[in-house]
N, C-alpha and C. Protein backbone atom coordinates (compact mmCIF):
# COMPACT_ATOMS: atom_id res chain seq x y z
N MET A 1 1.00 -1.10 0.04
CA MET A 1 0.25 0.12 -0.03
C MET A 1 1.10 1.28 0.07
N ILE A 2 0.19 2.27 -0.80
CA ILE A 2 1.51 3.45 -0.89
C ILE A 2 1.10 4.57 0.29
N ASP A 3 1.63 4.61 0.93
CA ASP A 3 1.96 6.03 2.19
C ASP A 3 1.22 7.06 1.12
N THR A 4 0.78 8.08 1.72
CA THR A 4 -0.53 8.84 1.37
C THR A 4 0.30 10.06 1.32
N ALA A 5 1.58 10.54 1.71
CA ALA A 5 2.02 11.64 1.87
C ALA A 5 3.00 11.31 0.28
N VAL A 6 3.40 9.86 0.27
CA VAL A 6 4.47 9.62 -1.19
C VAL A 6 3.18 9.62 -2.31
N HIS A 7 2.23 8.96 -2.27
CA HIS A 7 1.13 9.92 -3.35
C HIS A 7 0.65 11.01 -3.65
N ARG A 8 0.84 11.34 -2.73
CA ARG A 8 0.04 13.41 -3.04
C ARG A 8 1.45 13.81 -3.61
N ARG A 9 2.53 13.48 -3.10
CA ARG A 9 4.12 13.97 -4.16
C ARG A 9 3.75 13.28 -5.27
N GLN A 10 3.78 12.58 -5.49
CA GLN A 10 3.97 11.67 -6.53
C GLN A 10 3.01 12.14 -7.82
N LEU A 11 1.64 12.51 -7.06
CA LEU A 11 0.43 13.10 -7.75
C LEU A 11 0.67 14.70 -8.55
N LEU A 12 1.69 15.15 -7.28
CA LEU A 12 2.00 17.11 -7.41
C LEU A 12 3.02 16.83 -8.71
N ARG A 13 4.03 16.19 -8.66
CA ARG A 13 4.93 16.25 -9.42
C ARG A 13 4.82 15.32 -10.78
N PHE A 14 3.99 14.23 -11.02
CA PHE A 14 3.31 14.33 -12.13
C PHE A 14 2.50 15.10 -13.14
N GLY A 15 1.76 15.96 -12.25
CA GLY A 15 0.93 17.01 -12.54
C GLY A 15 1.87 17.91 -12.98
N ILE A 16 2.91 18.17 -12.32
CA ILE A 16 4.03 19.14 -13.13
C ILE A 16 4.47 18.95 -14.27
N VAL A 17 5.01 17.85 -14.39
CA VAL A 17 5.77 16.92 -15.76
C VAL A 17 4.87 17.10 -16.75
N GLY A 18 3.47 16.96 -16.20
CA GLY A 18 2.60 16.93 -17.40
C GLY A 18 1.91 18.48 -18.07
N LEU A 19 1.87 18.90 -17.51
CA LEU A 19 1.48 20.60 -17.54
C LEU A 19 2.62 20.87 -18.05
N GLY A 20 3.96 20.92 -17.58
CA GLY A 20 5.21 21.54 -18.55
C GLY A 20 4.83 20.52 -19.89
N SER A 21 4.97 19.43 -19.50
CA SER A 21 5.45 18.60 -20.96
C SER A 21 4.04 18.89 -22.17
N ASN A 22 2.99 18.58 -22.02
CA ASN A 22 1.82 18.99 -22.34
C ASN A 22 1.63 20.70 -23.14
N LEU A 23 2.18 21.64 -22.36
CA LEU A 23 2.46 22.95 -22.70
C LEU A 23 3.24 23.19 -24.23
N VAL A 24 4.31 22.68 -24.17
CA VAL A 24 5.73 22.29 -25.25
C VAL A 24 4.58 21.48 -26.07
N LEU A 25 4.18 20.28 -25.94
CA LEU A 25 3.34 19.38 -27.08
C LEU A 25 2.57 20.22 -27.71
N TYR A 26 1.53 20.53 -27.04
CA TYR A 26 -0.08 21.73 -27.13
C TYR A 26 0.69 22.45 -28.37
N LEU A 27 1.75 23.32 -28.37
CA LEU A 27 2.47 24.04 -28.92
C LEU A 27 2.59 23.49 -30.58
N ALA A 28 3.09 22.35 -30.13
CA ALA A 28 4.05 21.43 -31.62
C ALA A 28 2.52 21.04 -32.20
N TYR A 29 1.69 20.57 -31.19
CA TYR A 29 -0.02 20.06 -31.97
C TYR A 29 -0.39 21.30 -32.85
N VAL A 30 -0.86 22.85 -32.30
CA VAL A 30 -1.15 23.55 -32.87
C VAL A 30 -0.17 23.64 -34.36
N LEU A 31 1.06 23.86 -34.06
CA LEU A 31 1.58 24.33 -34.84
C LEU A 31 1.98 23.18 -36.08
N LEU A 32 2.04 21.40 -35.97
CA LEU A 32 1.27 20.86 -36.71
C LEU A 32 -0.05 21.23 -37.73
N LEU A 33 -1.16 21.68 -36.86
CA LEU A 33 -2.27 21.88 -37.75
C LEU A 33 -2.16 23.05 -38.70
N HIS A 34 -1.60 24.57 -38.17
CA HIS A 34 -1.19 25.11 -39.23
C HIS A 34 -0.01 24.65 -40.36
N LEU A 35 0.59 23.43 -40.06
CA LEU A 35 0.77 22.91 -41.22
C LEU A 35 0.04 21.74 -42.20
N ALA A 36 -0.65 21.77 -42.08
CA ALA A 36 -2.18 21.03 -42.57
C ALA A 36 -2.25 19.54 -42.04
N ILE A 37 -1.30 19.32 -41.16
CA ILE A 37 -1.41 17.87 -40.51
C ILE A 37 -2.64 18.00 -40.10
N GLN A 38 -3.43 16.46 -40.18
CA GLN A 38 -4.55 16.27 -39.87
C GLN A 38 -4.69 16.23 -38.29
N PRO A 39 -5.49 16.59 -37.42
CA PRO A 39 -5.73 16.61 -36.17
C PRO A 39 -5.38 15.26 -35.61
N LEU A 40 -5.87 14.20 -35.92
CA LEU A 40 -5.31 12.63 -35.12
C LEU A 40 -3.99 12.64 -35.92
N TRP A 41 -3.68 12.65 -36.81
CA TRP A 41 -1.87 12.39 -36.75
C TRP A 41 -1.18 13.26 -36.16
N ALA A 42 -1.68 14.48 -36.04
CA ALA A 42 -1.04 15.59 -35.19
C ALA A 42 -0.53 15.63 -33.67
N ALA A 43 -1.59 15.00 -33.30
CA ALA A 43 -2.07 13.88 -32.27
C ALA A 43 -1.07 13.30 -31.80
N ALA A 44 -1.22 11.75 -32.57
CA ALA A 44 -0.15 10.61 -32.34
C ALA A 44 1.20 10.92 -32.42
N ILE A 45 1.42 11.95 -33.32
CA ILE A 45 3.02 12.45 -32.99
C ILE A 45 3.54 12.95 -32.17
N CYS A 46 2.72 14.13 -31.36
CA CYS A 46 2.88 14.77 -30.50
C CYS A 46 3.00 13.92 -29.03
N TYR A 47 1.75 12.60 -29.23
CA TYR A 47 1.78 11.84 -28.05
C TYR A 47 3.30 10.86 -28.08
N CYS A 48 3.92 10.31 -29.20
CA CYS A 48 4.77 9.37 -29.04
C CYS A 48 5.70 10.70 -28.83
N SER A 49 6.05 11.88 -28.94
CA SER A 49 7.43 12.44 -28.31
C SER A 49 6.91 12.73 -27.30
N GLY A 50 6.02 12.97 -26.62
CA GLY A 50 5.75 12.36 -24.86
C GLY A 50 6.10 11.90 -24.19
N VAL A 51 6.02 10.85 -24.96
CA VAL A 51 6.06 9.67 -23.85
C VAL A 51 7.47 9.26 -23.98
N CYS A 52 8.38 9.55 -24.74
CA CYS A 52 10.06 9.56 -24.38
C CYS A 52 10.16 11.02 -23.17
N LEU A 53 9.79 11.65 -23.23
CA LEU A 53 10.55 12.79 -22.41
C LEU A 53 9.21 12.78 -20.91
N SER A 54 8.26 11.75 -20.90
CA SER A 54 7.08 11.26 -19.46
C SER A 54 7.62 10.72 -18.97
N TYR A 55 9.04 9.43 -19.56
CA TYR A 55 9.40 8.07 -18.99
C TYR A 55 10.60 8.83 -18.07
N ILE A 56 11.37 9.84 -18.90
CA ILE A 56 12.46 10.17 -18.29
C ILE A 56 12.23 11.06 -16.79
N PHE A 57 11.51 11.98 -16.88
CA PHE A 57 10.87 12.94 -16.08
C PHE A 57 10.19 12.19 -15.09
N ASN A 58 9.41 11.26 -15.84
CA ASN A 58 8.11 10.86 -14.63
C ASN A 58 9.04 9.31 -13.55
N ARG A 59 9.71 9.01 -14.41
CA ARG A 59 10.35 7.76 -13.59
C ARG A 59 11.43 8.49 -12.62
N ALA A 60 12.24 9.30 -13.22
CA ALA A 60 13.58 9.66 -12.67
C ALA A 60 12.77 10.60 -11.19
N TRP A 61 11.69 11.10 -11.85
CA TRP A 61 11.37 12.54 -10.46
C TRP A 61 10.07 12.43 -9.76
N SER A 62 9.39 12.22 -10.95
CA SER A 62 7.84 11.44 -10.18
C SER A 62 7.55 10.52 -9.05
N PHE A 63 8.31 9.74 -9.38
CA PHE A 63 8.16 8.55 -9.13
C PHE A 63 9.30 7.88 -8.27
N GLU A 64 10.15 8.61 -8.50
CA GLU A 64 11.75 8.51 -7.90
C GLU A 64 11.89 6.59 -7.89
N SER A 65 11.61 6.04 -8.87
CA SER A 65 11.73 4.74 -9.48
C SER A 65 13.79 4.53 -8.93
N ARG A 66 13.26 2.99 -8.26
CA ARG A 66 14.62 2.68 -8.21
C ARG A 66 14.79 0.98 -8.83
N GLU A 67 13.88 0.98 -9.57
CA GLU A 67 13.65 -0.36 -10.25
C GLU A 67 14.61 0.14 -11.67
N THR A 68 14.77 -1.37 -12.12
CA THR A 68 15.57 -1.57 -13.38
C THR A 68 14.66 -0.95 -14.88
N HIS A 69 15.12 -0.77 -15.89
CA HIS A 69 14.40 -0.02 -17.11
C HIS A 69 13.65 -1.28 -17.39
N ARG A 70 14.21 -2.76 -17.24
CA ARG A 70 13.40 -3.55 -18.12
C ARG A 70 12.39 -4.51 -16.94
N GLN A 71 12.26 -3.41 -15.53
CA GLN A 71 10.57 -3.31 -14.96
C GLN A 71 9.80 -2.70 -15.17
N ASP A 72 10.32 -1.18 -15.12
CA ASP A 72 9.59 0.14 -15.54
C ASP A 72 9.15 -0.03 -16.45
N LEU A 73 10.11 0.19 -18.02
CA LEU A 73 9.44 0.28 -19.24
C LEU A 73 8.08 -0.57 -20.11
N PRO A 74 8.31 -1.74 -19.21
CA PRO A 74 6.68 -2.39 -20.01
C PRO A 74 5.68 -1.95 -19.45
N LYS A 75 6.09 -1.32 -18.23
CA LYS A 75 4.70 -0.80 -17.28
C LYS A 75 4.31 0.31 -18.08
N PHE A 76 5.25 1.11 -18.18
CA PHE A 76 5.04 2.62 -18.72
C PHE A 76 4.40 2.43 -20.11
N LEU A 77 5.04 1.78 -21.09
CA LEU A 77 4.81 1.60 -22.47
C LEU A 77 3.20 0.74 -22.31
N LEU A 78 2.90 -0.08 -21.58
CA LEU A 78 1.48 -0.44 -21.26
C LEU A 78 0.58 0.36 -21.05
N ALA A 79 1.14 1.66 -19.90
CA ALA A 79 0.28 2.40 -20.05
C ALA A 79 -0.09 3.53 -20.55
N HIS A 80 0.58 3.78 -21.04
CA HIS A 80 0.94 5.09 -22.32
C HIS A 80 0.11 4.03 -23.48
N GLY A 81 -0.02 2.83 -23.86
CA GLY A 81 -0.81 2.31 -24.91
C GLY A 81 -2.36 2.50 -24.72
N VAL A 82 -2.56 2.07 -23.27
CA VAL A 82 -3.76 2.37 -23.22
C VAL A 82 -3.97 3.83 -23.21
N GLY A 83 -3.00 4.79 -22.73
CA GLY A 83 -3.68 6.52 -23.29
C GLY A 83 -3.62 6.86 -25.05
N ILE A 84 -2.65 6.22 -25.23
CA ILE A 84 -3.07 6.71 -26.98
C ILE A 84 -4.46 5.66 -26.97
N CYS A 85 -4.77 5.23 -27.09
CA CYS A 85 -5.98 4.89 -27.04
C CYS A 85 -7.34 5.32 -26.53
N SER A 86 -7.08 6.07 -25.59
CA SER A 86 -8.07 7.28 -24.96
C SER A 86 -7.93 8.24 -25.22
N THR A 87 -6.71 8.49 -26.19
CA THR A 87 -6.52 9.79 -26.84
C THR A 87 -7.06 9.51 -28.06
N MET A 88 -7.13 8.92 -28.67
CA MET A 88 -7.79 8.97 -30.07
C MET A 88 -9.24 8.64 -29.83
N LEU A 89 -10.04 8.02 -29.02
CA LEU A 89 -11.46 7.91 -28.71
C LEU A 89 -11.87 9.00 -28.01
N VAL A 90 -11.40 9.50 -27.82
CA VAL A 90 -12.20 10.97 -26.72
C VAL A 90 -11.99 11.99 -27.76
N LEU A 91 -10.67 12.08 -29.14
CA LEU A 91 -10.81 12.80 -29.93
C LEU A 91 -11.50 12.77 -30.72
N SER A 92 -11.59 11.34 -31.38
CA SER A 92 -12.71 10.76 -32.11
C SER A 92 -14.18 11.72 -31.78
N VAL A 93 -14.02 11.51 -30.62
CA VAL A 93 -15.65 11.97 -30.17
C VAL A 93 -15.85 13.63 -29.98
N LEU A 94 -14.76 13.89 -28.93
CA LEU A 94 -15.10 15.84 -29.54
C LEU A 94 -14.53 16.51 -30.67
N LEU A 95 -13.90 15.81 -31.68
CA LEU A 95 -13.73 16.50 -32.86
C LEU A 95 -15.39 16.89 -33.34
N GLU A 96 -16.37 15.91 -32.87
CA GLU A 96 -17.12 16.03 -34.05
C GLU A 96 -18.23 17.17 -33.14
N TRP A 97 -17.91 18.24 -32.37
CA TRP A 97 -18.47 19.40 -31.93
C TRP A 97 -17.63 20.33 -31.24
N LEU A 98 -16.35 19.99 -31.29
CA LEU A 98 -15.21 21.17 -30.88
C LEU A 98 -14.24 21.34 -31.99
N ARG A 99 -13.76 22.64 -32.51
CA ARG A 99 -12.61 23.05 -32.43
C ARG A 99 -11.27 21.73 -32.22
N PRO A 100 -10.45 21.35 -33.22
CA PRO A 100 -9.05 20.73 -32.33
C PRO A 100 -8.38 21.04 -31.27
N GLU A 101 -8.34 21.95 -31.83
CA GLU A 101 -8.14 23.41 -30.57
C GLU A 101 -7.95 22.68 -28.88
N ILE A 102 -9.50 22.93 -29.06
CA ILE A 102 -10.11 22.90 -28.01
C ILE A 102 -10.26 21.59 -26.92
N ALA A 103 -10.76 20.23 -28.44
CA ALA A 103 -10.90 19.00 -28.13
C ALA A 103 -9.59 18.26 -27.13
N GLN A 104 -7.97 19.19 -27.90
CA GLN A 104 -6.98 18.44 -27.70
C GLN A 104 -6.68 18.89 -25.78
N LEU A 105 -7.32 20.06 -25.66
CA LEU A 105 -7.28 20.36 -24.27
C LEU A 105 -7.82 20.04 -23.53
N ILE A 106 -8.77 19.36 -23.90
CA ILE A 106 -10.23 18.41 -22.54
C ILE A 106 -9.31 16.58 -22.49
N ASN A 107 -8.87 16.69 -23.96
CA ASN A 107 -8.24 15.46 -23.91
C ASN A 107 -7.33 15.21 -23.11
N ILE A 108 -6.12 16.06 -23.42
CA ILE A 108 -5.01 16.29 -22.70
C ILE A 108 -5.41 15.49 -21.11
N GLY A 109 -5.95 16.17 -20.39
CA GLY A 109 -6.92 15.68 -18.77
C GLY A 109 -7.30 15.09 -18.98
N VAL A 110 -8.34 14.35 -19.83
CA VAL A 110 -9.06 12.76 -19.79
C VAL A 110 -7.28 11.77 -19.72
N THR A 111 -6.71 11.87 -20.80
CA THR A 111 -5.63 10.97 -20.84
C THR A 111 -4.74 10.89 -20.09
N ALA A 112 -4.41 12.27 -18.74
CA ALA A 112 -3.29 11.98 -17.96
C ALA A 112 -3.80 11.01 -16.55
N VAL A 113 -5.27 11.61 -16.43
CA VAL A 113 -6.39 10.55 -15.90
C VAL A 113 -6.10 9.27 -15.72
N VAL A 114 -6.42 9.14 -17.12
CA VAL A 114 -6.21 7.34 -17.18
C VAL A 114 -4.95 6.98 -17.06
N ILE A 115 -3.72 7.32 -17.86
CA ILE A 115 -2.37 6.97 -17.72
C ILE A 115 -1.61 6.66 -16.20
N TYR A 116 -2.49 7.75 -15.41
CA TYR A 116 -1.65 7.43 -13.98
C TYR A 116 -2.53 6.64 -13.12
N GLY A 117 -3.82 6.40 -13.27
CA GLY A 117 -4.70 5.34 -12.98
C GLY A 117 -3.87 4.20 -13.29
N ILE A 118 -3.89 3.94 -14.63
CA ILE A 118 -3.07 2.99 -14.86
C ILE A 118 -1.79 2.53 -14.34
N LEU A 119 -1.19 3.59 -14.13
CA LEU A 119 0.88 3.48 -13.53
C LEU A 119 0.46 3.03 -12.27
N LEU A 120 -0.97 3.50 -11.55
CA LEU A 120 -0.88 2.78 -9.83
C LEU A 120 -1.34 1.58 -10.16
N LEU A 121 -2.09 1.16 -11.06
CA LEU A 121 -2.73 -0.14 -11.26
C LEU A 121 -1.51 -1.43 -11.27
N LEU A 122 -0.44 -0.84 -11.93
CA LEU A 122 0.83 -1.65 -12.62
C LEU A 122 1.37 -1.89 -11.37
N GLY A 123 1.53 -0.85 -10.63
CA GLY A 123 2.85 -0.70 -9.74
C GLY A 123 4.12 -0.23 -10.48
N PHE A 124 3.87 0.72 -11.13
CA PHE A 124 5.47 1.52 -11.93
C PHE A 124 6.15 1.71 -10.95
N ALA A 125 7.50 1.95 -10.91
CA ALA A 125 8.30 2.15 -10.13
C ALA A 125 8.09 2.23 -8.89
N ARG A 126 7.67 1.22 -8.40
CA ARG A 126 7.36 0.43 -6.92
C ARG A 126 8.67 0.48 -6.34
N ALA A 127 8.88 0.60 -5.56
CA ALA A 127 10.49 0.29 -4.63
C ALA A 127 10.95 -0.89 -4.23
N ARG A 128 11.57 -1.61 -4.23
CA ARG A 128 12.16 -2.67 -4.33
C ARG A 128 12.65 -2.84 -2.58
N ALA A 129 11.49 -4.35 -2.09
CA ALA A 129 11.80 -4.56 -0.69
C ALA A 129 13.10 -4.39 -0.49
N GLY A 130 13.89 -3.84 1.02
CA GLY A 130 14.46 -4.43 1.25
C GLY A 130 15.94 -4.10 0.48
């Protein structure tokens, strides 16, 4: 069971990493739209770029992992695999009613919650015993 203070710190740091990286990625998304890239392709490009940054910062800082990459990386990739499915589903629905820029803002929040929940369920970066 995770300590409440540890969980709060992880969640806060996960949020900081997410806000920073998503700000940069959102600007890249808007730029790709202006370069006439289709919204779903632009989202996929930004998502894949974000996974790399997210793994580095969340593993080292947010979760302070002491696990090996061989233990952490599959869990992280699985969580982000679910996240990309969430992204495509949420955007597909939201794009029916909203401009792509607004749909992506909502999508970022939904996907962040999905990924964080999956990481916790998978025990990502859980400290080794003893």
